[in-house]
Amino acid sequence: MRRLLVIRRKGRIKMKSRSVLQLQYEDEEGKTVVREYPVRDLDAVLVLGGGLYIESSAVSALSSMNVPVAVVARDSVGVLLNPVIVASPNYRRLQYTIDRARALEIALEYIKSKVGGMINVLKYHGAGAPEVPGPPAPAGDPEEFEREIRSWESRASNALWDRLVLLLRPQVLGELRARYGFLGRRPGRPDPFNKTLSVMYAVLYALGTRALLAAGLDPTYGFLHRTRYGTPLTFDYAEMFKPVAVEATISALNSGGLPRARRGRGAEEGARQPGHKGLVRLLDARAQGHGEDRLPADLLKSFLPSELPGGQVQERVANGNVGQGAIPAHEGEGLV
């Protein structure tokens, strides 16, 4: 049973043994709390805030098990991973040598999935979707094609976000505007909606990185995002799952209202926990009937050529039997 470990408190992570991760922190009464997690049961670790100390032994153990650590601090996201360990070097050879135009076509498919998913969120809530321009057609010049992709994504996302924020209950939306000057989706803004959504995206980045590694791919070599992002393929890949995070964030705020600040925590903390749980439930629902390997299989299907030697890989991809599980299925103490 693989899980996502979410750490929201200041504390320390170390290895109790070669295979058991130990988390120590103080609760609200100042008492020391110790939690232990077998590393083999973790898909990823998500750290919220900059007050956690991770001993080098823990970093080494997580890295050796291909368990990425995503850190959300000061409105930025960092993903720690080991891109070297790989059981399928042929996949990476294909990834590194893929034609630039084909790579952009793949990136466009991910973005089209995101746009389609955002439209489906609106339809699910009975809201009308705006007119969205059609995606660009492949161009002979890859640089021109890339500019067209970025322009189309920007225009489509802006139009959709104008409608998506209206899915918030009027009371929640009014309070966001009155207390925070809320203007919609603005990465880095300090309001509960944007901060909670950014954390939901970080969950996707952590799980996506794990899925890419399980599929034998290099998250540091992207198709559309640049290498300055650290794990650009993760950011490319996670695009198609972002509507799930949007739905989880909207549902969390609509059901619980705006969170209130508590001692030692930010005001958005109250929305994060139900948001995390809602995101995992939605991801679980998406995975039902497809098997735990759906994420890496979908990615590999997108660019493995049919003439790959042996044919066995194509058969495994078609059947969804590639890599390890990529989605956590259950919750537990300290886990979502």
C-alpha atoms as a PDB file:
ATOM      1  CA  MET A   1       0.000   0.000   0.000  1.00  0.00           C
ATOM      2  CA  ARG A   2       1.905   3.042  -1.253  1.00  0.00           C
ATOM      3  CA  ARG A   3       1.256   6.513   0.162  1.00  0.00           C
ATOM      4  CA  LEU A   4       2.045  10.182  -0.060  1.00  0.00           C
ATOM      5  CA  LEU A   5       3.570  11.558   3.145  1.00  0.00           C
ATOM      6  CA  VAL A   6       2.592  15.190   3.776  1.00  0.00           C
ATOM      7  CA  ILE A   7       4.546  17.106   6.438  1.00  0.00           C
ATOM      8  CA  ARG A   8       3.087  20.443   7.528  1.00  0.00           C
ATOM      9  CA  ARG A   9       4.975  21.080  10.796  1.00  0.00           C
ATOM     10  CA  LYS A  10       8.418  22.156  11.838  1.00  0.00           C
ATOM     11  CA  GLY A  11      10.478  19.163  12.875  1.00  0.00           C
ATOM     12  CA  ARG A  12      13.175  16.738  11.823  1.00  0.00           C
ATOM     13  CA  ILE A  13      13.364  13.737   9.524  1.00  0.00           C
ATOM     14  CA  LYS A  14      15.974  11.042   9.990  1.00  0.00           C
ATOM     15  CA  MET A  15      16.408   7.351   9.353  1.00  0.00           C
ATOM     16  CA  LYS A  16      15.621   5.093  12.296  1.00  0.00           C
ATOM     17  CA  SER A  17      17.038   2.169  10.352  1.00  0.00           C
ATOM     18  CA  ARG A  18      18.054   1.497   6.782  1.00  0.00           C
ATOM     19  CA  SER A  19      14.426   1.221   5.684  1.00  0.00           C
ATOM     20  CA  VAL A  20      12.351   3.202   8.220  1.00  0.00           C
ATOM     21  CA  LEU A  21      11.891   6.972   8.065  1.00  0.00           C
ATOM     22  CA  GLN A  22      11.331   8.752  11.393  1.00  0.00           C
ATOM     23  CA  LEU A  23       9.563  12.112  11.737  1.00  0.00           C
ATOM     24  CA  GLN A  24       9.858  14.099  14.995  1.00  0.00           C
ATOM     25  CA  TYR A  25       7.911  17.261  15.771  1.00  0.00           C
ATOM     26  CA  GLU A  26       6.207  19.087  18.616  1.00  0.00           C
ATOM     27  CA  ASP A  27       2.432  19.187  18.835  1.00  0.00           C
ATOM     28  CA  GLU A  28       0.440  22.284  19.816  1.00  0.00           C
ATOM     29  CA  GLU A  29       0.970  21.469  23.497  1.00  0.00           C
ATOM     30  CA  GLY A  30       4.744  21.322  23.101  1.00  0.00           C
ATOM     31  CA  LYS A  31       4.941  17.523  23.414  1.00  0.00           C
ATOM     32  CA  THR A  32       7.357  15.604  21.185  1.00  0.00           C
ATOM     33  CA  VAL A  33       5.604  13.372  18.671  1.00  0.00           C
ATOM     34  CA  VAL A  34       7.403  10.596  16.783  1.00  0.00           C
ATOM     35  CA  ARG A  35       6.030   8.967  13.628  1.00  0.00           C
ATOM     36  CA  GLU A  36       7.660   6.182  11.621  1.00  0.00           C
ATOM     37  CA  TYR A  37       7.128   5.223   7.984  1.00  0.00           C
ATOM     38  CA  PRO A  38       8.688   2.363   5.968  1.00  0.00           C
ATOM     39  CA  VAL A  39      10.384   3.966   2.966  1.00  0.00           C
ATOM     40  CA  ARG A  40       9.196   1.180   0.668  1.00  0.00           C
ATOM     41  CA  ASP A  41       5.584   2.251   1.363  1.00  0.00           C
ATOM     42  CA  LEU A  42       6.086   5.840   0.222  1.00  0.00           C
ATOM     43  CA  ASP A  43       5.372   7.170  -3.255  1.00  0.00           C
ATOM     44  CA  ALA A  44       6.561  10.679  -2.437  1.00  0.00           C
ATOM     45  CA  VAL A  45       7.134  13.150   0.399  1.00  0.00           C
ATOM     46  CA  LEU A  46       5.538  16.606   0.345  1.00  0.00           C
ATOM     47  CA  VAL A  47       6.986  19.234   2.725  1.00  0.00           C
ATOM     48  CA  LEU A  48       4.972  22.407   3.359  1.00  0.00           C
ATOM     49  CA  GLY A  49       7.050  25.294   4.708  1.00  0.00           C
ATOM     50  CA  GLY A  50      10.725  25.819   5.392  1.00  0.00           C
ATOM     51  CA  GLY A  51      10.969  24.637   9.002  1.00  0.00           C
ATOM     52  CA  LEU A  52      11.745  20.956   8.451  1.00  0.00           C
ATOM     53  CA  TYR A  53      15.288  19.595   8.881  1.00  0.00           C
ATOM     54  CA  ILE A  54      16.092  16.548   6.762  1.00  0.00           C
ATOM     55  CA  GLU A  55      19.207  14.617   7.722  1.00  0.00           C
ATOM     56  CA  SER A  56      21.497  13.609   4.875  1.00  0.00           C
ATOM     57  CA  SER A  57      20.923   9.921   5.623  1.00  0.00           C
ATOM     58  CA  ALA A  58      17.210  10.398   4.937  1.00  0.00           C
ATOM     59  CA  VAL A  59      17.892  12.219   1.681  1.00  0.00           C
ATOM     60  CA  SER A  60      20.183   9.390   0.582  1.00  0.00           C
ATOM     61  CA  ALA A  61      17.696   6.660   1.540  1.00  0.00           C
ATOM     62  CA  LEU A  62      14.768   8.333  -0.203  1.00  0.00           C
ATOM     63  CA  SER A  63      16.870   8.999  -3.285  1.00  0.00           C
ATOM     64  CA  SER A  64      18.045   5.401  -3.517  1.00  0.00           C
ATOM     65  CA  MET A  65      14.410   4.233  -3.416  1.00  0.00           C
ATOM     66  CA  ASN A  66      13.363   6.761  -6.101  1.00  0.00           C
ATOM     67  CA  VAL A  67      11.057   8.563  -3.641  1.00  0.00           C
ATOM     68  CA  PRO A  68      10.948  12.259  -4.655  1.00  0.00           C
ATOM     69  CA  VAL A  69      10.719  14.998  -2.019  1.00  0.00           C
ATOM     70  CA  ALA A  70       8.676  18.059  -3.035  1.00  0.00           C
ATOM     71  CA  VAL A  71       9.195  21.184  -0.917  1.00  0.00           C
ATOM     72  CA  VAL A  72       6.755  24.102  -0.995  1.00  0.00           C
ATOM     73  CA  ALA A  73       8.273  27.177   0.675  1.00  0.00           C
ATOM     74  CA  ARG A  74       8.130  30.916  -0.010  1.00  0.00           C
ATOM     75  CA  ASP A  75       5.669  30.381  -2.858  1.00  0.00           C
ATOM     76  CA  SER A  76       8.048  28.140  -4.804  1.00  0.00           C
ATOM     77  CA  VAL A  77       8.219  24.394  -5.397  1.00  0.00           C
ATOM     78  CA  GLY A  78      11.381  22.295  -5.439  1.00  0.00           C
ATOM     79  CA  VAL A  79      11.601  18.578  -6.156  1.00  0.00           C
ATOM     80  CA  LEU A  80      14.532  16.510  -4.880  1.00  0.00           C
ATOM     81  CA  LEU A  81      15.125  13.246  -6.702  1.00  0.00           C
ATOM     82  CA  ASN A  82      17.749  10.916  -8.113  1.00  0.00           C
ATOM     83  CA  PRO A  83      17.481  11.052 -11.920  1.00  0.00           C
ATOM     84  CA  VAL A  84      20.334   8.592 -12.414  1.00  0.00           C
ATOM     85  CA  ILE A  85      18.851   5.354 -11.105  1.00  0.00           C
ATOM     86  CA  VAL A  86      16.904   3.803 -13.963  1.00  0.00           C
ATOM     87  CA  ALA A  87      15.987   0.264 -14.916  1.00  0.00           C
ATOM     88  CA  SER A  88      14.967   1.070 -18.503  1.00  0.00           C
ATOM     89  CA  PRO A  89      17.733   3.040 -20.274  1.00  0.00           C
ATOM     90  CA  ASN A  90      16.065   2.564 -23.670  1.00  0.00           C
ATOM     91  CA  TYR A  91      13.177   4.797 -22.575  1.00  0.00           C
ATOM     92  CA  ARG A  92      15.584   7.591 -21.755  1.00  0.00           C
ATOM     93  CA  ARG A  93      17.438   7.165 -25.007  1.00  0.00           C
ATOM     94  CA  LEU A  94      14.134   7.733 -26.809  1.00  0.00           C
ATOM     95  CA  GLN A  95      13.373  10.679 -24.572  1.00  0.00           C
ATOM     96  CA  TYR A  96      16.739  12.377 -25.150  1.00  0.00           C
ATOM     97  CA  THR A  97      16.711  11.869 -28.909  1.00  0.00           C
ATOM     98  CA  ILE A  98      13.076  12.678 -29.661  1.00  0.00           C
ATOM     99  CA  ASP A  99      12.524  15.168 -32.466  1.00  0.00           C
ATOM    100  CA  ARG A 100      11.833  18.681 -31.174  1.00  0.00           C
ATOM    101  CA  ALA A 101       8.620  19.042 -33.175  1.00  0.00           C
ATOM    102  CA  ARG A 102       7.341  15.689 -31.855  1.00  0.00           C
ATOM    103  CA  ALA A 103       8.227  16.706 -28.303  1.00  0.00           C
ATOM    104  CA  LEU A 104       6.157  19.869 -28.688  1.00  0.00           C
ATOM    105  CA  GLU A 105       3.238  17.845 -30.075  1.00  0.00           C
ATOM    106  CA  ILE A 106       3.327  15.731 -26.905  1.00  0.00           C
ATOM    107  CA  ALA A 107       3.453  18.820 -24.709  1.00  0.00           C
ATOM    108  CA  LEU A 108       0.479  20.228 -26.606  1.00  0.00           C
ATOM    109  CA  GLU A 109      -1.508  17.055 -25.930  1.00  0.00           C
ATOM    110  CA  TYR A 110      -0.888  17.468 -22.200  1.00  0.00           C
ATOM    111  CA  ILE A 111      -2.106  21.074 -22.345  1.00  0.00           C
ATOM    112  CA  LYS A 112      -5.144  20.093 -24.414  1.00  0.00           C
ATOM    113  CA  SER A 113      -5.984  17.568 -21.685  1.00  0.00           C
ATOM    114  CA  LYS A 114      -5.737  20.329 -19.085  1.00  0.00           C
ATOM    115  CA  VAL A 115      -7.977  22.669 -21.047  1.00  0.00           C
ATOM    116  CA  GLY A 116     -10.487  19.884 -21.680  1.00  0.00           C
ATOM    117  CA  GLY A 117     -10.440  18.947 -18.011  1.00  0.00           C
ATOM    118  CA  MET A 118     -11.107  22.521 -16.924  1.00  0.00           C
ATOM    119  CA  ILE A 119     -14.079  22.645 -19.298  1.00  0.00           C
ATOM    120  CA  ASN A 120     -15.347  19.387 -17.781  1.00  0.00           C
ATOM    121  CA  VAL A 121     -15.103  20.854 -14.272  1.00  0.00           C
ATOM    122  CA  LEU A 122     -17.348  23.707 -15.396  1.00  0.00           C
ATOM    123  CA  LYS A 123     -19.809  21.288 -16.996  1.00  0.00           C
ATOM    124  CA  TYR A 124     -19.839  19.094 -13.896  1.00  0.00           C
ATOM    125  CA  HIS A 125     -20.976  22.075 -11.837  1.00  0.00           C
ATOM    126  CA  GLY A 126     -23.588  23.071 -14.420  1.00  0.00           C
ATOM    127  CA  ALA A 127     -21.696  26.174 -15.497  1.00  0.00           C
ATOM    128  CA  GLY A 128     -21.332  27.198 -19.099  1.00  0.00           C
ATOM    129  CA  ALA A 129     -17.874  26.988 -20.631  1.00  0.00           C
ATOM    130  CA  PRO A 130     -16.531  30.045 -22.460  1.00  0.00           C
ATOM    131  CA  GLU A 131     -15.536  30.062 -26.097  1.00  0.00           C
ATOM    132  CA  VAL A 132     -11.992  28.692 -26.232  1.00  0.00           C
ATOM    133  CA  PRO A 133      -9.883  29.101 -29.371  1.00  0.00           C
ATOM    134  CA  GLY A 134      -8.750  25.925 -31.059  1.00  0.00           C
ATOM    135  CA  PRO A 135      -5.229  24.633 -30.424  1.00  0.00           C
ATOM    136  CA  PRO A 136      -2.486  25.442 -32.908  1.00  0.00           C
ATOM    137  CA  ALA A 137      -1.532  23.060 -35.678  1.00  0.00           C
ATOM    138  CA  PRO A 138       2.048  21.809 -35.887  1.00  0.00           C
ATOM    139  CA  ALA A 139       4.290  24.297 -37.670  1.00  0.00           C
ATOM    140  CA  GLY A 140       7.397  23.678 -39.724  1.00  0.00           C
ATOM    141  CA  ASP A 141       9.458  25.875 -37.426  1.00  0.00           C
ATOM    142  CA  PRO A 142       9.623  24.389 -33.876  1.00  0.00           C
ATOM    143  CA  GLU A 143      10.288  27.806 -32.336  1.00  0.00           C
ATOM    144  CA  GLU A 144       7.173  29.244 -33.980  1.00  0.00           C
ATOM    145  CA  PHE A 145       5.157  26.184 -32.912  1.00  0.00           C
ATOM    146  CA  GLU A 146       6.319  26.645 -29.318  1.00  0.00           C
ATOM    147  CA  ARG A 147       5.281  30.314 -29.318  1.00  0.00           C
ATOM    148  CA  GLU A 148       1.855  29.366 -30.671  1.00  0.00           C
ATOM    149  CA  ILE A 149       1.418  26.698 -27.977  1.00  0.00           C
ATOM    150  CA  ARG A 150       2.297  29.114 -25.183  1.00  0.00           C
ATOM    151  CA  SER A 151       0.028  31.821 -26.608  1.00  0.00           C
ATOM    152  CA  TRP A 152      -2.915  29.422 -26.981  1.00  0.00           C
ATOM    153  CA  GLU A 153      -2.465  28.033 -23.473  1.00  0.00           C
ATOM    154  CA  SER A 154      -2.422  31.544 -22.012  1.00  0.00           C
ATOM    155  CA  ARG A 155      -5.564  32.651 -23.824  1.00  0.00           C
ATOM    156  CA  ALA A 156      -7.478  29.446 -23.080  1.00  0.00           C
ATOM    157  CA  SER A 157      -6.481  29.393 -19.412  1.00  0.00           C
ATOM    158  CA  ASN A 158      -7.397  33.035 -18.855  1.00  0.00           C
ATOM    159  CA  ALA A 159     -10.844  32.516 -20.360  1.00  0.00           C
ATOM    160  CA  LEU A 160     -11.475  29.379 -18.308  1.00  0.00           C
ATOM    161  CA  TRP A 161     -10.224  30.815 -15.025  1.00  0.00           C
ATOM    162  CA  ASP A 162     -12.637  33.723 -15.344  1.00  0.00           C
ATOM    163  CA  ARG A 163     -15.452  31.147 -15.149  1.00  0.00           C
ATOM    164  CA  LEU A 164     -13.865  28.671 -12.747  1.00  0.00           C
ATOM    165  CA  VAL A 165     -13.541  31.166  -9.871  1.00  0.00           C
ATOM    166  CA  LEU A 166     -17.299  31.721 -10.127  1.00  0.00           C
ATOM    167  CA  LEU A 167     -17.779  28.118  -8.973  1.00  0.00           C
ATOM    168  CA  LEU A 168     -16.836  29.299  -5.487  1.00  0.00           C
ATOM    169  CA  ARG A 169     -19.845  29.954  -3.287  1.00  0.00           C
ATOM    170  CA  PRO A 170     -20.810  33.661  -3.340  1.00  0.00           C
ATOM    171  CA  GLN A 171     -20.010  33.985   0.374  1.00  0.00           C
ATOM    172  CA  VAL A 172     -16.533  32.461  -0.111  1.00  0.00           C
ATOM    173  CA  LEU A 173     -15.816  34.505  -3.230  1.00  0.00           C
ATOM    174  CA  GLY A 174     -16.999  37.718  -1.572  1.00  0.00           C
ATOM    175  CA  GLU A 175     -14.842  37.103   1.480  1.00  0.00           C
ATOM    176  CA  LEU A 176     -11.808  36.360  -0.686  1.00  0.00           C
ATOM    177  CA  ARG A 177     -12.285  39.626  -2.532  1.00  0.00           C
ATOM    178  CA  ALA A 178     -12.906  41.661   0.621  1.00  0.00           C
ATOM    179  CA  ARG A 179     -10.087  40.226   2.737  1.00  0.00           C
ATOM    180  CA  TYR A 180      -7.427  39.521   0.119  1.00  0.00           C
ATOM    181  CA  GLY A 181      -8.303  41.553  -2.972  1.00  0.00           C
ATOM    182  CA  PHE A 182      -8.822  38.256  -4.785  1.00  0.00           C
ATOM    183  CA  LEU A 183      -8.615  38.583  -8.586  1.00  0.00           C
ATOM    184  CA  GLY A 184      -8.630  34.913  -9.590  1.00  0.00           C
ATOM    185  CA  ARG A 185      -5.778  32.533 -10.248  1.00  0.00           C
ATOM    186  CA  ARG A 186      -2.559  34.413  -9.530  1.00  0.00           C
ATOM    187  CA  PRO A 187       0.421  32.161  -8.614  1.00  0.00           C
ATOM    188  CA  GLY A 188       2.247  33.495  -5.584  1.00  0.00           C
ATOM    189  CA  ARG A 189      -0.664  35.497  -4.198  1.00  0.00           C
ATOM    190  CA  PRO A 190      -1.162  35.073  -0.418  1.00  0.00           C
ATOM    191  CA  ASP A 191      -4.904  34.334  -0.446  1.00  0.00           C
ATOM    192  CA  PRO A 192      -6.170  30.883   0.660  1.00  0.00           C
ATOM    193  CA  PHE A 193      -7.386  29.939  -2.813  1.00  0.00           C
ATOM    194  CA  ASN A 194      -4.097  30.517  -4.619  1.00  0.00           C
ATOM    195  CA  LYS A 195      -1.930  29.120  -1.835  1.00  0.00           C
ATOM    196  CA  THR A 196      -4.058  26.002  -1.480  1.00  0.00           C
ATOM    197  CA  LEU A 197      -4.125  25.426  -5.244  1.00  0.00           C
ATOM    198  CA  SER A 198      -0.342  25.835  -5.435  1.00  0.00           C
ATOM    199  CA  VAL A 199       0.042  23.156  -2.767  1.00  0.00           C
ATOM    200  CA  MET A 200      -2.351  20.885  -4.676  1.00  0.00           C
ATOM    201  CA  TYR A 201      -0.151  21.346  -7.730  1.00  0.00           C
ATOM    202  CA  ALA A 202       2.886  20.410  -5.626  1.00  0.00           C
ATOM    203  CA  VAL A 203       1.161  17.133  -4.748  1.00  0.00           C
ATOM    204  CA  LEU A 204       0.754  16.465  -8.470  1.00  0.00           C
ATOM    205  CA  TYR A 205       4.413  17.308  -9.088  1.00  0.00           C
ATOM    206  CA  ALA A 206       5.528  14.859  -6.410  1.00  0.00           C
ATOM    207  CA  LEU A 207       3.314  12.047  -7.713  1.00  0.00           C
ATOM    208  CA  GLY A 208       4.146  12.888 -11.324  1.00  0.00           C
ATOM    209  CA  THR A 209       7.868  12.731 -10.626  1.00  0.00           C
ATOM    210  CA  ARG A 210       7.415   9.315  -9.052  1.00  0.00           C
ATOM    211  CA  ALA A 211       5.405   8.139 -12.061  1.00  0.00           C
ATOM    212  CA  LEU A 212       8.047   9.331 -14.514  1.00  0.00           C
ATOM    213  CA  LEU A 213      10.822   7.610 -12.590  1.00  0.00           C
ATOM    214  CA  ALA A 214       8.768   4.426 -12.374  1.00  0.00           C
ATOM    215  CA  ALA A 215       8.358   4.578 -16.143  1.00  0.00           C
ATOM    216  CA  GLY A 216      12.113   4.862 -16.625  1.00  0.00           C
ATOM    217  CA  LEU A 217      12.061   8.488 -17.777  1.00  0.00           C
ATOM    218  CA  ASP A 218      14.149  11.484 -16.754  1.00  0.00           C
ATOM    219  CA  PRO A 219      12.026  14.210 -15.081  1.00  0.00           C
ATOM    220  CA  THR A 220      14.829  16.750 -15.622  1.00  0.00           C
ATOM    221  CA  TYR A 221      14.518  16.623 -19.434  1.00  0.00           C
ATOM    222  CA  GLY A 222      11.302  18.324 -20.532  1.00  0.00           C
ATOM    223  CA  PHE A 223       9.435  18.926 -23.766  1.00  0.00           C
ATOM    224  CA  LEU A 224       8.016  22.428 -23.220  1.00  0.00           C
ATOM    225  CA  HIS A 225       9.145  23.592 -19.780  1.00  0.00           C
ATOM    226  CA  ARG A 226      12.788  24.608 -19.581  1.00  0.00           C
ATOM    227  CA  THR A 227      15.537  23.047 -17.474  1.00  0.00           C
ATOM    228  CA  ARG A 228      15.524  26.052 -15.122  1.00  0.00           C
ATOM    229  CA  TYR A 229      12.461  24.457 -13.514  1.00  0.00           C
ATOM    230  CA  GLY A 230      14.592  21.589 -12.198  1.00  0.00           C
ATOM    231  CA  THR A 231      12.144  18.854 -13.240  1.00  0.00           C
ATOM    232  CA  PRO A 232      10.638  20.230 -16.457  1.00  0.00           C
ATOM    233  CA  LEU A 233       9.160  16.932 -17.667  1.00  0.00           C
ATOM    234  CA  THR A 234       7.279  16.716 -14.368  1.00  0.00           C
ATOM    235  CA  PHE A 235       5.744  20.129 -15.053  1.00  0.00           C
ATOM    236  CA  ASP A 236       4.880  19.101 -18.614  1.00  0.00           C
ATOM    237  CA  TYR A 237       3.326  15.833 -17.472  1.00  0.00           C
ATOM    238  CA  ALA A 238       1.351  17.286 -14.552  1.00  0.00           C
ATOM    239  CA  GLU A 239      -0.551  19.684 -16.809  1.00  0.00           C
ATOM    240  CA  MET A 240      -3.212  17.118 -17.671  1.00  0.00           C
ATOM    241  CA  PHE A 241      -3.974  16.434 -13.986  1.00  0.00           C
ATOM    242  CA  LYS A 242      -4.313  20.062 -12.881  1.00  0.00           C
ATOM    243  CA  PRO A 243      -8.113  20.155 -13.322  1.00  0.00           C
ATOM    244  CA  VAL A 244      -8.292  17.502 -10.586  1.00  0.00           C
ATOM    245  CA  ALA A 245      -6.409  19.857  -8.261  1.00  0.00           C
ATOM    246  CA  VAL A 246      -8.710  22.736  -9.253  1.00  0.00           C
ATOM    247  CA  GLU A 247     -11.793  20.682  -8.393  1.00  0.00           C
ATOM    248  CA  ALA A 248     -10.277  19.581  -5.067  1.00  0.00           C
ATOM    249  CA  THR A 249      -9.446  23.183  -4.110  1.00  0.00           C
ATOM    250  CA  ILE A 250     -12.865  24.563  -5.035  1.00  0.00           C
ATOM    251  CA  SER A 251     -14.629  21.730  -3.197  1.00  0.00           C
ATOM    252  CA  ALA A 252     -12.488  22.220  -0.079  1.00  0.00           C
ATOM    253  CA  LEU A 253     -13.227  25.945   0.128  1.00  0.00           C
ATOM    254  CA  ASN A 254     -16.906  25.561  -0.708  1.00  0.00           C
ATOM    255  CA  SER A 255     -17.443  22.868   1.902  1.00  0.00           C
ATOM    256  CA  GLY A 256     -15.342  24.363   4.696  1.00  0.00           C
ATOM    257  CA  GLY A 257     -15.299  28.076   3.930  1.00  0.00           C
ATOM    258  CA  LEU A 258     -12.166  30.176   4.250  1.00  0.00           C
ATOM    259  CA  PRO A 259      -9.739  28.770   6.834  1.00  0.00           C
ATOM    260  CA  ARG A 260      -8.890  30.742   9.947  1.00  0.00           C
ATOM    261  CA  ALA A 261      -5.359  31.170  11.214  1.00  0.00           C
ATOM    262  CA  ARG A 262      -4.338  28.973  14.115  1.00  0.00           C
ATOM    263  CA  ARG A 263      -1.319  29.254  16.354  1.00  0.00           C
ATOM    264  CA  GLY A 264       1.833  28.388  14.429  1.00  0.00           C
ATOM    265  CA  ARG A 265       0.014  27.920  11.125  1.00  0.00           C
ATOM    266  CA  GLY A 266      -0.981  30.071   8.197  1.00  0.00           C
ATOM    267  CA  ALA A 267      -4.556  30.975   7.393  1.00  0.00           C
ATOM    268  CA  GLU A 268      -4.656  28.609   4.426  1.00  0.00           C
ATOM    269  CA  GLU A 269      -3.717  25.564   6.521  1.00  0.00           C
ATOM    270  CA  GLY A 270      -7.341  24.660   7.224  1.00  0.00           C
ATOM    271  CA  ALA A 271      -8.052  24.227   3.534  1.00  0.00           C
ATOM    272  CA  ARG A 272      -4.917  22.260   2.782  1.00  0.00           C
ATOM    273  CA  GLN A 273      -5.782  19.073   4.636  1.00  0.00           C
ATOM    274  CA  PRO A 274      -9.278  18.577   3.143  1.00  0.00           C
ATOM    275  CA  GLY A 275      -7.840  19.752  -0.159  1.00  0.00           C
ATOM    276  CA  HIS A 276      -5.138  17.075  -0.053  1.00  0.00           C
ATOM    277  CA  LYS A 277      -7.640  14.384   0.839  1.00  0.00           C
ATOM    278  CA  GLY A 278     -10.040  15.504  -1.861  1.00  0.00           C
ATOM    279  CA  LEU A 279      -7.259  15.493  -4.433  1.00  0.00           C
ATOM    280  CA  VAL A 280      -6.224  11.953  -3.526  1.00  0.00           C
ATOM    281  CA  ARG A 281      -9.844  10.746  -3.675  1.00  0.00           C
ATOM    282  CA  LEU A 282     -10.258  12.260  -7.130  1.00  0.00           C
ATOM    283  CA  LEU A 283      -7.005  10.717  -8.324  1.00  0.00           C
ATOM    284  CA  ASP A 284      -8.106   7.375  -6.890  1.00  0.00           C
ATOM    285  CA  ALA A 285     -11.398   7.626  -8.759  1.00  0.00           C
ATOM    286  CA  ARG A 286      -9.525   8.354 -11.984  1.00  0.00           C
ATOM    287  CA  ALA A 287      -7.303   5.325 -11.427  1.00  0.00           C
ATOM    288  CA  GLN A 288     -10.135   2.887 -10.692  1.00  0.00           C
ATOM    289  CA  GLY A 289     -10.461   0.325 -13.445  1.00  0.00           C
ATOM    290  CA  HIS A 290      -7.144   1.280 -15.003  1.00  0.00           C
ATOM    291  CA  GLY A 291      -4.742  -0.261 -12.500  1.00  0.00           C
ATOM    292  CA  GLU A 292      -2.081   1.499 -10.464  1.00  0.00           C
ATOM    293  CA  ASP A 293       0.271   1.883 -13.426  1.00  0.00           C
ATOM    294  CA  ARG A 294      -2.004   4.123 -15.475  1.00  0.00           C
ATOM    295  CA  LEU A 295       0.134   7.269 -15.143  1.00  0.00           C
ATOM    296  CA  PRO A 296       3.403   5.874 -16.504  1.00  0.00           C
ATOM    297  CA  ALA A 297       1.535   3.876 -19.131  1.00  0.00           C
ATOM    298  CA  ASP A 298      -0.235   6.972 -20.441  1.00  0.00           C
ATOM    299  CA  LEU A 299       3.050   8.823 -20.658  1.00  0.00           C
ATOM    300  CA  LEU A 300       4.878   6.051 -22.459  1.00  0.00           C
ATOM    301  CA  LYS A 301       2.050   5.590 -24.934  1.00  0.00           C
ATOM    302  CA  SER A 302       2.480   9.165 -26.039  1.00  0.00           C
ATOM    303  CA  PHE A 303       5.901   8.817 -27.610  1.00  0.00           C
ATOM    304  CA  LEU A 304       7.233   5.272 -27.713  1.00  0.00           C
ATOM    305  CA  PRO A 305       7.536   4.347 -31.402  1.00  0.00           C
ATOM    306  CA  SER A 306       5.769   1.253 -32.637  1.00  0.00           C
ATOM    307  CA  GLU A 307       9.022  -0.023 -34.165  1.00  0.00           C
ATOM    308  CA  LEU A 308      10.679  -0.316 -30.757  1.00  0.00           C
ATOM    309  CA  PRO A 309      12.774  -3.513 -30.840  1.00  0.00           C
ATOM    310  CA  GLY A 310      11.101  -6.663 -29.575  1.00  0.00           C
ATOM    311  CA  GLY A 311       7.554  -5.357 -29.301  1.00  0.00           C
ATOM    312  CA  GLN A 312       7.322  -6.392 -25.641  1.00  0.00           C
ATOM    313  CA  VAL A 313       7.389  -2.839 -24.383  1.00  0.00           C
ATOM    314  CA  GLN A 314       4.476  -1.856 -26.628  1.00  0.00           C
ATOM    315  CA  GLU A 315       2.444  -4.770 -25.334  1.00  0.00           C
ATOM    316  CA  ARG A 316       3.186  -3.861 -21.730  1.00  0.00           C
ATOM    317  CA  VAL A 317       2.257  -0.235 -22.353  1.00  0.00           C
ATOM    318  CA  ALA A 318      -0.977  -1.186 -24.070  1.00  0.00           C
ATOM    319  CA  ASN A 319      -1.930  -3.342 -21.111  1.00  0.00           C
ATOM    320  CA  GLY A 320      -0.906  -0.723 -18.564  1.00  0.00           C
ATOM    321  CA  ASN A 321       1.786  -2.964 -17.086  1.00  0.00           C
ATOM    322  CA  VAL A 322       4.681  -0.531 -16.931  1.00  0.00           C
ATOM    323  CA  GLY A 323       6.579   0.550 -13.841  1.00  0.00           C
ATOM    324  CA  GLN A 324       5.317   0.739 -10.290  1.00  0.00           C
ATOM    325  CA  GLY A 325       2.151   2.208  -8.816  1.00  0.00           C
ATOM    326  CA  ALA A 326       1.948   5.956  -9.175  1.00  0.00           C
ATOM    327  CA  ILE A 327      -1.096   6.961  -7.127  1.00  0.00           C
ATOM    328  CA  PRO A 328      -1.495   6.554  -3.355  1.00  0.00           C
ATOM    329  CA  ALA A 329      -4.660   4.640  -2.580  1.00  0.00           C
ATOM    330  CA  HIS A 330      -5.303   5.170   1.109  1.00  0.00           C
ATOM    331  CA  GLU A 331      -4.926   7.643   3.932  1.00  0.00           C
ATOM    332  CA  GLY A 332      -3.334   7.117   7.305  1.00  0.00           C
ATOM    333  CA  GLU A 333      -1.845   9.010  10.251  1.00  0.00           C
ATOM    334  CA  GLY A 334       0.009  11.939   8.767  1.00  0.00           C
ATOM    335  CA  LEU A 335      -0.666  10.639   5.287  1.00  0.00           C
ATOM    336  CA  VAL A 336      -3.073  11.629   2.540  1.00  0.00           C
END
